[in-house]
Amino acid sequence: MSAKPPSTSLRARLRMQIRDRIKHLQITDAQAAARLGFSPSQMSKLRADQDIFSLDRLIDAGARIGVAMRLSAARPYRRR
């Protein structure tokens, strides 16, 4: 059994933020797909929360509809 990569949870959170932004904008799926650069079938997969998009693709799509993102990195814990 392998652990999920950290990007899995980042992608899930970003998909949720994009769906919330679409709802806030009160636009149709067709309008959202056009603005996000998604096909209608990809829009359906976003709505169904399917993990098919790369993190890069979600970042670019989110930026197109005003989802602000911030990434921070921390130095790993070191034992002394």
C-alpha atoms as a PDB file:
ATOM      1  CA  MET A   1       0.000   0.000   0.000  1.00  0.00           C
ATOM      2  CA  SER A   2       1.559   3.300  -1.091  1.00  0.00           C
ATOM      3  CA  ALA A   3       0.921   6.694   0.416  1.00  0.00           C
ATOM      4  CA  LYS A   4      -0.709   9.339  -1.748  1.00  0.00           C
ATOM      5  CA  PRO A   5       1.607  12.080  -2.958  1.00  0.00           C
ATOM      6  CA  PRO A   6       1.197  15.485  -1.266  1.00  0.00           C
ATOM      7  CA  SER A   7      -0.048  16.992  -4.528  1.00  0.00           C
ATOM      8  CA  THR A   8      -3.212  14.874  -4.263  1.00  0.00           C
ATOM      9  CA  SER A   9      -4.597  16.950  -1.397  1.00  0.00           C
ATOM     10  CA  LEU A  10      -3.464  20.189  -3.040  1.00  0.00           C
ATOM     11  CA  ARG A  11      -5.303  19.293  -6.232  1.00  0.00           C
ATOM     12  CA  ALA A  12      -8.435  18.363  -4.255  1.00  0.00           C
ATOM     13  CA  ARG A  13      -8.418  21.676  -2.403  1.00  0.00           C
ATOM     14  CA  LEU A  14      -7.891  23.608  -5.607  1.00  0.00           C
ATOM     15  CA  ARG A  15     -10.734  21.765  -7.375  1.00  0.00           C
ATOM     16  CA  MET A  16     -13.015  22.702  -4.475  1.00  0.00           C
ATOM     17  CA  GLN A  17     -11.950  26.358  -4.641  1.00  0.00           C
ATOM     18  CA  ILE A  18     -12.582  26.464  -8.386  1.00  0.00           C
ATOM     19  CA  ARG A  19     -16.059  24.933  -7.989  1.00  0.00           C
ATOM     20  CA  ASP A  20     -16.850  27.407  -5.184  1.00  0.00           C
ATOM     21  CA  ARG A  21     -15.697  30.324  -7.358  1.00  0.00           C
ATOM     22  CA  ILE A  22     -17.870  29.152 -10.270  1.00  0.00           C
ATOM     23  CA  LYS A  23     -20.846  29.005  -7.914  1.00  0.00           C
ATOM     24  CA  HIS A  24     -20.049  32.486  -6.581  1.00  0.00           C
ATOM     25  CA  LEU A  25     -19.820  33.890 -10.110  1.00  0.00           C
ATOM     26  CA  GLN A  26     -23.194  32.299 -10.939  1.00  0.00           C
ATOM     27  CA  ILE A  27     -22.066  31.189 -14.384  1.00  0.00           C
ATOM     28  CA  THR A  28     -23.152  28.143 -16.322  1.00  0.00           C
ATOM     29  CA  ASP A  29     -20.938  25.111 -16.809  1.00  0.00           C
ATOM     30  CA  ALA A  30     -20.506  26.089 -20.456  1.00  0.00           C
ATOM     31  CA  GLN A  31     -19.368  29.583 -19.480  1.00  0.00           C
ATOM     32  CA  ALA A  32     -17.087  28.178 -16.790  1.00  0.00           C
ATOM     33  CA  ALA A  33     -15.556  25.646 -19.178  1.00  0.00           C
ATOM     34  CA  ALA A  34     -14.789  28.398 -21.693  1.00  0.00           C
ATOM     35  CA  ARG A  35     -13.169  30.608 -19.054  1.00  0.00           C
ATOM     36  CA  LEU A  36     -11.205  27.744 -17.512  1.00  0.00           C
ATOM     37  CA  GLY A  37     -10.022  26.386 -20.843  1.00  0.00           C
ATOM     38  CA  PHE A  38     -11.781  23.053 -20.245  1.00  0.00           C
ATOM     39  CA  SER A  39     -13.858  20.955 -22.604  1.00  0.00           C
ATOM     40  CA  PRO A  40     -17.460  20.191 -21.555  1.00  0.00           C
ATOM     41  CA  SER A  41     -16.428  16.665 -20.552  1.00  0.00           C
ATOM     42  CA  GLN A  42     -13.553  18.003 -18.447  1.00  0.00           C
ATOM     43  CA  MET A  43     -15.986  20.396 -16.789  1.00  0.00           C
ATOM     44  CA  SER A  44     -18.201  17.435 -15.902  1.00  0.00           C
ATOM     45  CA  LYS A  45     -15.213  15.664 -14.402  1.00  0.00           C
ATOM     46  CA  LEU A  46     -14.364  18.745 -12.347  1.00  0.00           C
ATOM     47  CA  ARG A  47     -17.957  18.823 -11.071  1.00  0.00           C
ATOM     48  CA  ALA A  48     -17.694  15.110 -10.183  1.00  0.00           C
ATOM     49  CA  ASP A  49     -14.436  15.828  -8.312  1.00  0.00           C
ATOM     50  CA  GLN A  50     -12.453  13.423 -10.468  1.00  0.00           C
ATOM     51  CA  ASP A  51      -8.716  13.773  -9.981  1.00  0.00           C
ATOM     52  CA  ILE A  52      -7.734  14.019 -13.664  1.00  0.00           C
ATOM     53  CA  PHE A  53      -6.092  17.451 -13.768  1.00  0.00           C
ATOM     54  CA  SER A  54      -2.460  18.246 -13.072  1.00  0.00           C
ATOM     55  CA  LEU A  55      -1.672  20.782 -10.397  1.00  0.00           C
ATOM     56  CA  ASP A  56      -0.310  23.128 -13.072  1.00  0.00           C
ATOM     57  CA  ARG A  57      -3.535  22.920 -15.061  1.00  0.00           C
ATOM     58  CA  LEU A  58      -5.657  23.647 -11.984  1.00  0.00           C
ATOM     59  CA  ILE A  59      -3.488  26.604 -10.997  1.00  0.00           C
ATOM     60  CA  ASP A  60      -3.803  28.107 -14.475  1.00  0.00           C
ATOM     61  CA  ALA A  61      -7.564  27.458 -14.619  1.00  0.00           C
ATOM     62  CA  GLY A  62      -8.138  28.898 -11.158  1.00  0.00           C
ATOM     63  CA  ALA A  63      -6.212  32.045 -12.004  1.00  0.00           C
ATOM     64  CA  ARG A  64      -8.437  32.585 -15.056  1.00  0.00           C
ATOM     65  CA  ILE A  65     -11.507  32.935 -12.832  1.00  0.00           C
ATOM     66  CA  GLY A  66      -9.934  34.807  -9.945  1.00  0.00           C
ATOM     67  CA  VAL A  67      -8.934  32.059  -7.516  1.00  0.00           C
ATOM     68  CA  ALA A  68      -5.996  33.526  -5.608  1.00  0.00           C
ATOM     69  CA  MET A  69      -3.307  31.063  -4.663  1.00  0.00           C
ATOM     70  CA  ARG A  70      -0.362  31.185  -2.338  1.00  0.00           C
ATOM     71  CA  LEU A  71       2.264  28.510  -1.925  1.00  0.00           C
ATOM     72  CA  SER A  72       4.605  28.293   0.995  1.00  0.00           C
ATOM     73  CA  ALA A  73       7.372  25.868   1.724  1.00  0.00           C
ATOM     74  CA  ALA A  74       8.988  25.030   5.022  1.00  0.00           C
ATOM     75  CA  ARG A  75      12.386  23.689   5.837  1.00  0.00           C
ATOM     76  CA  PRO A  76      12.187  20.068   6.964  1.00  0.00           C
ATOM     77  CA  TYR A  77      12.542  19.343  10.651  1.00  0.00           C
ATOM     78  CA  ARG A  78      16.075  18.362  11.594  1.00  0.00           C
ATOM     79  CA  ARG A  79      17.074  16.435  14.650  1.00  0.00           C
ATOM     80  CA  ARG A  80      20.032  17.804  16.582  1.00  0.00           C
END
